[in-house]
């Protein structure tokens, strides 16, 4: 369709407390995982677990009210694309 590309957008707001929105787009049907890691690289939350999605723009809310302040990494992974970005939780 050419309308969408693989893209992981910077979360908004950032820094955040306690929740933020994570947006991404995919250009084709694919299995998608979206995970949150702490600054040590340990997985702390899976927002999407290898779910088959159709082309489009997606937005997920991440609530970190039970987590300590710090830097977190969010990562999208498909069969053809991997991208990660940093976000900052300030309480």
N, C-alpha and C. Protein backbone atom coordinates (compact mmCIF):
# COMPACT_ATOMS: atom_id res chain seq x y z
N UNK A 1 0.82 -1.21 0.00
CA UNK A 1 0.00 0.00 0.00
C UNK A 1 0.86 1.27 0.00
N UNK A 2 2.11 1.17 0.46
CA UNK A 2 3.01 2.30 0.41
C UNK A 2 2.71 3.41 1.40
N UNK A 3 1.62 3.29 2.12
CA UNK A 3 1.19 4.36 3.01
C UNK A 3 2.00 4.38 4.30
N UNK A 4 2.36 3.20 4.79
CA UNK A 4 3.07 3.09 6.06
C UNK A 4 4.47 2.53 5.84
N UNK A 5 5.37 2.87 6.74
CA UNK A 5 6.71 2.29 6.76
C UNK A 5 6.94 1.71 8.15
N UNK A 6 8.01 0.93 8.28
CA UNK A 6 8.41 0.52 9.62
C UNK A 6 8.91 1.76 10.35
N UNK A 7 8.30 2.09 11.46
CA UNK A 7 8.75 3.26 12.22
C UNK A 7 8.36 3.11 13.68
N UNK A 8 9.30 3.42 14.54
CA UNK A 8 9.03 3.50 15.98
C UNK A 8 9.22 4.95 16.37
N UNK A 9 8.17 5.57 16.88
CA UNK A 9 8.21 6.99 17.20
C UNK A 9 8.67 7.20 18.64
N UNK A 10 9.20 8.39 18.90
CA UNK A 10 9.57 8.73 20.28
C UNK A 10 8.31 8.79 21.12
N UNK A 11 8.38 8.22 22.31
CA UNK A 11 7.21 8.23 23.19
C UNK A 11 6.84 9.66 23.57
N UNK A 12 5.58 9.86 23.92
CA UNK A 12 5.10 11.18 24.32
C UNK A 12 4.09 11.04 25.44
N UNK A 13 4.18 11.79 26.50
CA UNK A 13 5.29 12.72 26.78
C UNK A 13 6.56 11.99 27.21
N UNK A 14 7.67 12.69 27.14
CA UNK A 14 8.95 12.17 27.57
C UNK A 14 9.83 13.32 28.02
N UNK A 15 10.25 13.39 29.27
CA UNK A 15 10.02 12.45 30.37
C UNK A 15 8.55 12.34 30.74
N UNK A 16 8.20 11.25 31.43
CA UNK A 16 6.80 11.00 31.76
C UNK A 16 6.63 10.55 33.20
N UNK A 17 5.41 10.69 33.70
CA UNK A 17 5.02 10.20 35.03
C UNK A 17 3.50 10.23 35.13
N UNK A 18 2.82 9.11 35.34
CA UNK A 18 3.41 7.77 35.32
C UNK A 18 3.19 7.06 34.00
N UNK A 19 2.48 7.70 33.03
CA UNK A 19 2.20 6.97 31.79
C UNK A 19 2.61 7.77 30.56
N UNK A 20 2.85 7.04 29.49
CA UNK A 20 3.27 7.63 28.23
C UNK A 20 2.68 6.81 27.09
N UNK A 21 2.71 7.38 25.89
CA UNK A 21 2.19 6.66 24.72
C UNK A 21 3.32 6.31 23.78
N UNK A 22 3.27 5.07 23.28
CA UNK A 22 4.27 4.56 22.34
C UNK A 22 3.57 4.29 21.03
N UNK A 23 4.06 4.93 19.96
CA UNK A 23 3.45 4.76 18.64
C UNK A 23 4.44 4.09 17.69
N UNK A 24 3.89 3.26 16.80
CA UNK A 24 4.71 2.67 15.75
C UNK A 24 3.84 2.40 14.54
N UNK A 25 4.48 2.23 13.40
CA UNK A 25 3.75 1.86 12.19
C UNK A 25 4.46 0.70 11.52
N UNK A 26 3.66 -0.12 10.81
CA UNK A 26 4.21 -1.22 10.03
C UNK A 26 3.56 -1.19 8.64
N UNK A 27 4.34 -1.52 7.59
CA UNK A 27 3.82 -1.42 6.22
C UNK A 27 3.16 -2.69 5.70
N UNK A 28 3.29 -3.79 6.42
CA UNK A 28 2.76 -5.06 5.94
C UNK A 28 2.33 -5.92 7.11
N UNK A 29 1.52 -6.93 6.83
CA UNK A 29 1.09 -7.86 7.87
C UNK A 29 2.33 -8.56 8.42
N UNK A 30 2.46 -8.55 9.74
CA UNK A 30 3.65 -9.14 10.34
C UNK A 30 3.36 -9.45 11.80
N UNK A 31 4.17 -10.33 12.37
CA UNK A 31 4.10 -10.59 13.80
C UNK A 31 4.93 -9.55 14.52
N UNK A 32 4.32 -8.88 15.49
CA UNK A 32 4.96 -7.76 16.15
C UNK A 32 5.07 -8.03 17.64
N UNK A 33 6.25 -7.70 18.19
CA UNK A 33 6.43 -7.69 19.64
C UNK A 33 6.87 -6.29 20.05
N UNK A 34 6.32 -5.82 21.17
CA UNK A 34 6.70 -4.52 21.73
C UNK A 34 7.00 -4.75 23.20
N UNK A 35 8.26 -4.54 23.58
CA UNK A 35 8.69 -4.85 24.94
C UNK A 35 9.38 -3.65 25.57
N UNK A 36 9.31 -3.62 26.90
CA UNK A 36 9.95 -2.57 27.69
C UNK A 36 11.08 -3.22 28.50
N UNK A 37 12.24 -2.58 28.50
CA UNK A 37 13.40 -3.06 29.24
C UNK A 37 13.87 -1.97 30.20
N UNK A 38 14.51 -2.39 31.30
CA UNK A 38 15.13 -1.41 32.18
C UNK A 38 16.52 -1.07 31.65
N UNK A 39 17.22 -0.17 32.35
CA UNK A 39 18.53 0.29 31.85
C UNK A 39 19.58 -0.81 31.86
N UNK A 40 19.32 -1.91 32.57
CA UNK A 40 20.25 -3.05 32.58
C UNK A 40 19.94 -4.04 31.45
N UNK A 41 18.89 -3.75 30.67
CA UNK A 41 18.53 -4.63 29.57
C UNK A 41 17.62 -5.77 29.98
N UNK A 42 17.11 -5.72 31.21
CA UNK A 42 16.20 -6.78 31.67
C UNK A 42 14.79 -6.44 31.22
N UNK A 43 14.11 -7.43 30.63
CA UNK A 43 12.74 -7.22 30.18
C UNK A 43 11.82 -7.06 31.38
N UNK A 44 11.02 -5.99 31.38
CA UNK A 44 10.11 -5.78 32.51
C UNK A 44 8.64 -5.84 32.12
N UNK A 45 8.36 -5.67 30.82
CA UNK A 45 6.96 -5.71 30.41
C UNK A 45 6.87 -6.01 28.92
N UNK A 46 5.89 -6.84 28.55
CA UNK A 46 5.59 -7.09 27.14
C UNK A 46 4.23 -6.47 26.85
N UNK A 47 4.21 -5.47 25.97
CA UNK A 47 2.96 -4.82 25.57
C UNK A 47 2.28 -5.59 24.43
N UNK A 48 3.10 -6.13 23.52
CA UNK A 48 2.58 -6.97 22.43
C UNK A 48 3.50 -8.18 22.34
N UNK A 49 2.92 -9.37 22.29
CA UNK A 49 3.73 -10.59 22.27
C UNK A 49 3.51 -11.35 20.96
N UNK A 50 4.35 -11.06 19.96
CA UNK A 50 4.32 -11.76 18.67
C UNK A 50 2.90 -11.86 18.11
N UNK A 51 2.22 -10.73 18.14
CA UNK A 51 0.83 -10.67 17.65
C UNK A 51 0.83 -10.29 16.18
N UNK A 52 0.01 -10.97 15.40
CA UNK A 52 -0.06 -10.63 13.98
C UNK A 52 -0.90 -9.38 13.80
N UNK A 53 -0.29 -8.35 13.21
CA UNK A 53 -0.97 -7.08 12.98
C UNK A 53 -0.99 -6.76 11.49
N UNK A 54 -2.02 -6.01 11.08
CA UNK A 54 -2.12 -5.58 9.70
C UNK A 54 -1.42 -4.23 9.54
N UNK A 55 -1.11 -3.82 8.30
CA UNK A 55 -0.44 -2.53 8.11
C UNK A 55 -1.22 -1.41 8.77
N UNK A 56 -0.49 -0.49 9.39
CA UNK A 56 -1.16 0.64 10.02
C UNK A 56 -0.31 1.32 11.06
N UNK A 57 -0.94 2.29 11.72
CA UNK A 57 -0.32 3.05 12.80
C UNK A 57 -0.96 2.61 14.10
N UNK A 58 -0.13 2.28 15.08
CA UNK A 58 -0.61 1.76 16.35
C UNK A 58 -0.10 2.62 17.50
N UNK A 59 -0.89 2.69 18.55
CA UNK A 59 -0.50 3.45 19.73
C UNK A 59 -0.84 2.65 20.97
N UNK A 60 0.14 2.50 21.85
CA UNK A 60 -0.05 1.76 23.09
C UNK A 60 0.31 2.64 24.27
N UNK A 61 -0.47 2.52 25.34
CA UNK A 61 -0.19 3.28 26.56
C UNK A 61 0.65 2.42 27.49
N UNK A 62 1.69 3.02 28.03
CA UNK A 62 2.57 2.34 28.98
C UNK A 62 2.43 3.05 30.32
N UNK A 63 1.97 2.32 31.32
CA UNK A 63 1.81 2.87 32.67
C UNK A 63 2.92 2.32 33.55
N UNK A 64 3.73 3.23 34.08
CA UNK A 64 4.89 2.84 34.88
C UNK A 64 4.72 3.22 36.34
N UNK A 65 3.48 3.28 36.80
CA UNK A 65 3.24 3.73 38.17
C UNK A 65 3.87 2.80 39.21
N UNK A 66 4.12 1.55 38.83
CA UNK A 66 4.71 0.60 39.79
C UNK A 66 6.22 0.46 39.62
N UNK A 67 6.82 1.31 38.80
CA UNK A 67 8.26 1.21 38.52
C UNK A 67 9.01 2.41 39.09
N UNK A 68 10.31 2.23 39.40
CA UNK A 68 11.10 3.35 39.90
C UNK A 68 11.50 4.31 38.77
N UNK A 69 11.84 5.53 39.15
CA UNK A 69 12.35 6.51 38.18
C UNK A 69 13.58 5.95 37.49
N UNK A 70 13.80 6.38 36.25
CA UNK A 70 14.99 5.96 35.55
C UNK A 70 14.78 5.93 34.05
N UNK A 71 15.80 5.42 33.36
CA UNK A 71 15.76 5.30 31.91
C UNK A 71 15.25 3.91 31.55
N UNK A 72 14.31 3.87 30.62
CA UNK A 72 13.77 2.61 30.12
C UNK A 72 13.92 2.59 28.61
N UNK A 73 14.00 1.38 28.06
CA UNK A 73 14.13 1.20 26.62
C UNK A 73 12.89 0.46 26.14
N UNK A 74 12.30 0.96 25.07
CA UNK A 74 11.20 0.22 24.44
C UNK A 74 11.65 -0.23 23.06
N UNK A 75 11.24 -1.45 22.70
CA UNK A 75 11.74 -2.06 21.47
C UNK A 75 10.61 -2.72 20.71
N UNK A 76 10.55 -2.43 19.42
CA UNK A 76 9.63 -3.14 18.52
C UNK A 76 10.45 -4.16 17.74
N UNK A 77 9.85 -5.33 17.53
CA UNK A 77 10.54 -6.40 16.79
C UNK A 77 9.53 -7.09 15.89
N UNK A 78 9.85 -7.16 14.61
CA UNK A 78 9.05 -7.95 13.66
C UNK A 78 10.01 -8.90 12.96
N UNK A 79 9.50 -9.63 11.96
CA UNK A 79 10.37 -10.54 11.21
C UNK A 79 11.43 -9.77 10.42
N UNK A 80 11.14 -8.49 10.08
CA UNK A 80 12.04 -7.73 9.21
C UNK A 80 12.61 -6.48 9.83
N UNK A 81 12.21 -6.16 11.05
CA UNK A 81 12.54 -4.84 11.60
C UNK A 81 12.72 -4.91 13.10
N UNK A 82 13.78 -4.26 13.58
CA UNK A 82 13.99 -4.10 15.02
C UNK A 82 14.41 -2.65 15.26
N UNK A 83 13.77 -2.02 16.24
CA UNK A 83 14.13 -0.64 16.57
C UNK A 83 13.87 -0.42 18.05
N UNK A 84 14.74 0.33 18.69
CA UNK A 84 14.53 0.64 20.10
C UNK A 84 14.81 2.11 20.37
N UNK A 85 14.16 2.64 21.39
CA UNK A 85 14.36 4.02 21.79
C UNK A 85 14.32 4.11 23.31
N UNK A 86 14.88 5.20 23.83
CA UNK A 86 14.92 5.42 25.27
C UNK A 86 13.78 6.33 25.70
N UNK A 87 13.32 6.12 26.93
CA UNK A 87 12.35 7.02 27.55
C UNK A 87 12.72 7.17 29.02
N UNK A 88 12.30 8.28 29.60
CA UNK A 88 12.72 8.60 30.97
C UNK A 88 11.49 8.76 31.86
N UNK A 89 11.48 8.00 32.94
CA UNK A 89 10.44 8.09 33.95
C UNK A 89 10.97 8.91 35.12
N UNK A 90 10.28 10.02 35.42
CA UNK A 90 10.66 10.87 36.54
C UNK A 90 9.49 10.97 37.48
N UNK A 91 9.69 10.51 38.71
CA UNK A 91 8.61 10.55 39.71
C UNK A 91 8.89 11.63 40.73
